[in-house]
Amino acid sequence: MSNWDDEPELAGYEPTSGPPLRSRRLVITMRVVVIVGILCLVLPQVITTATVASSTAQEACLAWVRYEVPQATGASATFELFGANGMGWQCYTVGAFGGDKHVASLGLIPVSPKLSRVPTTNS
C-alpha cells in the first residue's frame, strides 16, 4: 500500500501541457467520415420510405379515381405542402371531361381506400 493521492499513471500530468493529441486535420477528417457514415445509414431508409409512399399514393389515387370519376383516363398523385386539405398526398384525375380535378386528399401517409361497391344495374 502506498500513500499517493493520485494514481501513479497520472502523477505529474498537466491537462494543458504539450501539443494536442490529434491534429486539426485528423479531427476534421474524422468528423467528415462520421457524417458520411450516418448519411449512408439514414439515406437508404429515407429513399425507401419515399418510394413506398409514392407507389402507395399512386395506387390509392387510381382506386379513388375509378370510384369517383370512372370516365377519367388516368390518375395522378402528388405530394403538396399546401394542398386542398393541408400538407400531404393529393389525388387528381387526368383526362376527365372538364379537365383535371381534385378527387381526394390521401394524407401524409397514404393508405388504400376502403370503398363500398357501387351497385350496377343489369339491362
C-alpha atoms as a PDB file:
ATOM      1  CA  MET A   1       0.000   0.000   0.000  1.00  0.00           C
ATOM      2  CA  SER A   2       1.189   3.468  -0.862  1.00  0.00           C
ATOM      3  CA  ASN A   3       0.070   6.855   0.332  1.00  0.00           C
ATOM      4  CA  TRP A   4      -0.249   8.572  -3.062  1.00  0.00           C
ATOM      5  CA  ASP A   5      -3.137  10.982  -3.576  1.00  0.00           C
ATOM      6  CA  ASP A   6      -3.287  10.323  -7.310  1.00  0.00           C
ATOM      7  CA  GLU A   7      -2.871   7.190  -9.308  1.00  0.00           C
ATOM      8  CA  PRO A   8       0.746   6.622 -10.328  1.00  0.00           C
ATOM      9  CA  GLU A   9      -0.161   6.883 -14.038  1.00  0.00           C
ATOM     10  CA  LEU A  10      -1.481  10.416 -13.532  1.00  0.00           C
ATOM     11  CA  ALA A  11       1.271  11.714 -11.245  1.00  0.00           C
ATOM     12  CA  GLY A  12       2.622  14.951 -12.674  1.00  0.00           C
ATOM     13  CA  TYR A  13       0.095  15.151 -15.525  1.00  0.00           C
ATOM     14  CA  GLU A  14      -0.962  18.662 -16.542  1.00  0.00           C
ATOM     15  CA  PRO A  15      -4.000  18.744 -18.912  1.00  0.00           C
ATOM     16  CA  THR A  16      -2.825  21.917 -20.691  1.00  0.00           C
ATOM     17  CA  SER A  17       0.792  20.967 -21.208  1.00  0.00           C
ATOM     18  CA  GLY A  18       2.095  19.683 -24.524  1.00  0.00           C
ATOM     19  CA  PRO A  19       0.646  19.609 -28.033  1.00  0.00           C
ATOM     20  CA  PRO A  20      -2.912  18.355 -28.714  1.00  0.00           C
ATOM     21  CA  LEU A  21      -3.325  14.610 -29.093  1.00  0.00           C
ATOM     22  CA  ARG A  22      -4.913  14.891 -32.549  1.00  0.00           C
ATOM     23  CA  SER A  23      -4.146  17.369 -35.289  1.00  0.00           C
ATOM     24  CA  ARG A  24      -6.840  19.678 -36.656  1.00  0.00           C
ATOM     25  CA  ARG A  25      -6.747  17.868 -39.998  1.00  0.00           C
ATOM     26  CA  LEU A  26      -7.346  14.479 -38.338  1.00  0.00           C
ATOM     27  CA  VAL A  27     -10.283  15.849 -36.314  1.00  0.00           C
ATOM     28  CA  ILE A  28     -11.911  17.302 -39.447  1.00  0.00           C
ATOM     29  CA  THR A  29     -11.330  14.040 -41.344  1.00  0.00           C
ATOM     30  CA  MET A  30     -12.919  12.006 -38.542  1.00  0.00           C
ATOM     31  CA  ARG A  31     -15.941  14.336 -38.456  1.00  0.00           C
ATOM     32  CA  VAL A  32     -16.412  14.036 -42.223  1.00  0.00           C
ATOM     33  CA  VAL A  33     -16.153  10.228 -42.038  1.00  0.00           C
ATOM     34  CA  VAL A  34     -18.747  10.101 -39.225  1.00  0.00           C
ATOM     35  CA  ILE A  35     -21.171  12.393 -41.100  1.00  0.00           C
ATOM     36  CA  VAL A  36     -20.797  10.355 -44.317  1.00  0.00           C
ATOM     37  CA  GLY A  37     -21.346   7.143 -42.331  1.00  0.00           C
ATOM     38  CA  ILE A  38     -24.535   8.474 -40.739  1.00  0.00           C
ATOM     39  CA  LEU A  39     -25.808   9.607 -44.151  1.00  0.00           C
ATOM     40  CA  CYS A  40     -25.071   6.160 -45.575  1.00  0.00           C
ATOM     41  CA  LEU A  41     -27.193   4.630 -42.815  1.00  0.00           C
ATOM     42  CA  VAL A  42     -30.125   7.063 -42.974  1.00  0.00           C
ATOM     43  CA  LEU A  43     -30.384   7.970 -46.675  1.00  0.00           C
ATOM     44  CA  PRO A  44     -31.458   4.500 -47.937  1.00  0.00           C
ATOM     45  CA  GLN A  45     -34.282   4.409 -45.384  1.00  0.00           C
ATOM     46  CA  VAL A  46     -35.499   7.853 -46.433  1.00  0.00           C
ATOM     47  CA  ILE A  47     -35.392   6.905 -50.127  1.00  0.00           C
ATOM     48  CA  THR A  48     -37.217   3.617 -49.470  1.00  0.00           C
ATOM     49  CA  THR A  49     -39.919   5.356 -47.421  1.00  0.00           C
ATOM     50  CA  ALA A  50     -40.443   7.988 -50.120  1.00  0.00           C
ATOM     51  CA  THR A  51     -40.631   5.342 -52.866  1.00  0.00           C
ATOM     52  CA  VAL A  52     -43.132   3.192 -50.970  1.00  0.00           C
ATOM     53  CA  ALA A  53     -45.275   6.233 -50.088  1.00  0.00           C
ATOM     54  CA  SER A  54     -45.265   7.374 -53.716  1.00  0.00           C
ATOM     55  CA  SER A  55     -46.330   3.998 -55.111  1.00  0.00           C
ATOM     56  CA  THR A  56     -48.990   3.570 -52.391  1.00  0.00           C
ATOM     57  CA  ALA A  57     -50.344   7.058 -53.086  1.00  0.00           C
ATOM     58  CA  GLN A  58     -50.487   6.346 -56.823  1.00  0.00           C
ATOM     59  CA  GLU A  59     -52.404   3.072 -56.299  1.00  0.00           C
ATOM     60  CA  ALA A  60     -54.801   4.657 -53.785  1.00  0.00           C
ATOM     61  CA  CYS A  61     -55.382   7.571 -56.140  1.00  0.00           C
ATOM     62  CA  LEU A  62     -56.113   5.206 -59.008  1.00  0.00           C
ATOM     63  CA  ALA A  63     -58.724   3.432 -56.848  1.00  0.00           C
ATOM     64  CA  TRP A  64     -60.316   6.763 -55.853  1.00  0.00           C
ATOM     65  CA  VAL A  65     -60.468   7.960 -59.466  1.00  0.00           C
ATOM     66  CA  ARG A  66     -62.004   4.680 -60.666  1.00  0.00           C
ATOM     67  CA  TYR A  67     -64.637   5.030 -57.937  1.00  0.00           C
ATOM     68  CA  GLU A  68     -65.379   8.767 -58.195  1.00  0.00           C
ATOM     69  CA  VAL A  69     -64.776   9.560 -61.887  1.00  0.00           C
ATOM     70  CA  PRO A  70     -64.880   6.361 -63.953  1.00  0.00           C
ATOM     71  CA  GLN A  71     -64.687   8.247 -67.266  1.00  0.00           C
ATOM     72  CA  ALA A  72     -61.216   9.636 -66.455  1.00  0.00           C
ATOM     73  CA  THR A  73     -58.327   8.136 -68.401  1.00  0.00           C
ATOM     74  CA  GLY A  74     -55.827   8.268 -65.549  1.00  0.00           C
ATOM     75  CA  ALA A  75     -54.913   9.420 -62.068  1.00  0.00           C
ATOM     76  CA  SER A  76     -52.108  11.476 -60.622  1.00  0.00           C
ATOM     77  CA  ALA A  77     -50.949  11.556 -57.003  1.00  0.00           C
ATOM     78  CA  THR A  78     -48.667  14.404 -55.943  1.00  0.00           C
ATOM     79  CA  PHE A  79     -47.215  15.451 -52.594  1.00  0.00           C
ATOM     80  CA  GLU A  80     -48.146  19.047 -51.814  1.00  0.00           C
ATOM     81  CA  LEU A  81     -47.137  21.197 -48.874  1.00  0.00           C
ATOM     82  CA  PHE A  82     -50.193  23.431 -49.260  1.00  0.00           C
ATOM     83  CA  GLY A  83     -52.803  21.082 -50.703  1.00  0.00           C
ATOM     84  CA  ALA A  84     -56.584  21.212 -50.564  1.00  0.00           C
ATOM     85  CA  ASN A  85     -56.763  19.720 -47.041  1.00  0.00           C
ATOM     86  CA  GLY A  86     -53.285  20.631 -45.833  1.00  0.00           C
ATOM     87  CA  MET A  87     -49.918  19.002 -46.277  1.00  0.00           C
ATOM     88  CA  GLY A  88     -49.907  15.519 -47.790  1.00  0.00           C
ATOM     89  CA  TRP A  89     -50.638  13.475 -50.894  1.00  0.00           C
ATOM     90  CA  GLN A  90     -53.345  14.841 -53.197  1.00  0.00           C
ATOM     91  CA  CYS A  91     -55.193  12.848 -55.850  1.00  0.00           C
ATOM     92  CA  TYR A  92     -56.217  14.341 -59.213  1.00  0.00           C
ATOM     93  CA  THR A  93     -57.964  12.965 -62.275  1.00  0.00           C
ATOM     94  CA  VAL A  94     -56.180  13.016 -65.616  1.00  0.00           C
ATOM     95  CA  GLY A  95     -58.021  13.278 -68.918  1.00  0.00           C
ATOM     96  CA  ALA A  96     -61.538  13.602 -67.488  1.00  0.00           C
ATOM     97  CA  PHE A  97     -64.160  15.725 -69.195  1.00  0.00           C
ATOM     98  CA  GLY A  98     -63.757  19.308 -67.962  1.00  0.00           C
ATOM     99  CA  GLY A  99     -60.049  18.984 -67.167  1.00  0.00           C
ATOM    100  CA  ASP A 100     -58.123  17.695 -64.196  1.00  0.00           C
ATOM    101  CA  LYS A 101     -59.992  17.782 -60.914  1.00  0.00           C
ATOM    102  CA  HIS A 102     -59.106  17.164 -57.274  1.00  0.00           C
ATOM    103  CA  VAL A 103     -60.598  13.865 -56.154  1.00  0.00           C
ATOM    104  CA  ALA A 104     -59.262  13.156 -52.654  1.00  0.00           C
ATOM    105  CA  SER A 105     -56.671  14.087 -50.062  1.00  0.00           C
ATOM    106  CA  LEU A 106     -54.704  10.984 -49.135  1.00  0.00           C
ATOM    107  CA  GLY A 107     -52.872  12.440 -46.098  1.00  0.00           C
ATOM    108  CA  LEU A 108     -49.222  12.313 -45.096  1.00  0.00           C
ATOM    109  CA  ILE A 109     -49.112   8.527 -45.057  1.00  0.00           C
ATOM    110  CA  PRO A 110     -51.297   7.273 -47.906  1.00  0.00           C
ATOM    111  CA  VAL A 111     -53.330   4.103 -47.433  1.00  0.00           C
ATOM    112  CA  SER A 112     -55.543   2.179 -49.809  1.00  0.00           C
ATOM    113  CA  PRO A 113     -59.130   3.406 -49.519  1.00  0.00           C
ATOM    114  CA  LYS A 114     -61.934   1.174 -48.298  1.00  0.00           C
ATOM    115  CA  LEU A 115     -64.610   1.956 -50.851  1.00  0.00           C
ATOM    116  CA  SER A 116     -68.037   0.424 -50.923  1.00  0.00           C
ATOM    117  CA  ARG A 117     -69.152  -1.291 -54.096  1.00  0.00           C
ATOM    118  CA  VAL A 118     -71.346   0.748 -56.376  1.00  0.00           C
ATOM    119  CA  PRO A 119     -74.463  -1.205 -57.353  1.00  0.00           C
ATOM    120  CA  THR A 120     -74.700  -1.714 -61.099  1.00  0.00           C
ATOM    121  CA  THR A 121     -77.929  -2.148 -62.985  1.00  0.00           C
ATOM    122  CA  ASN A 122     -78.122  -5.013 -65.453  1.00  0.00           C
ATOM    123  CA  SER A 123     -80.026  -4.091 -68.564  1.00  0.00           C
END
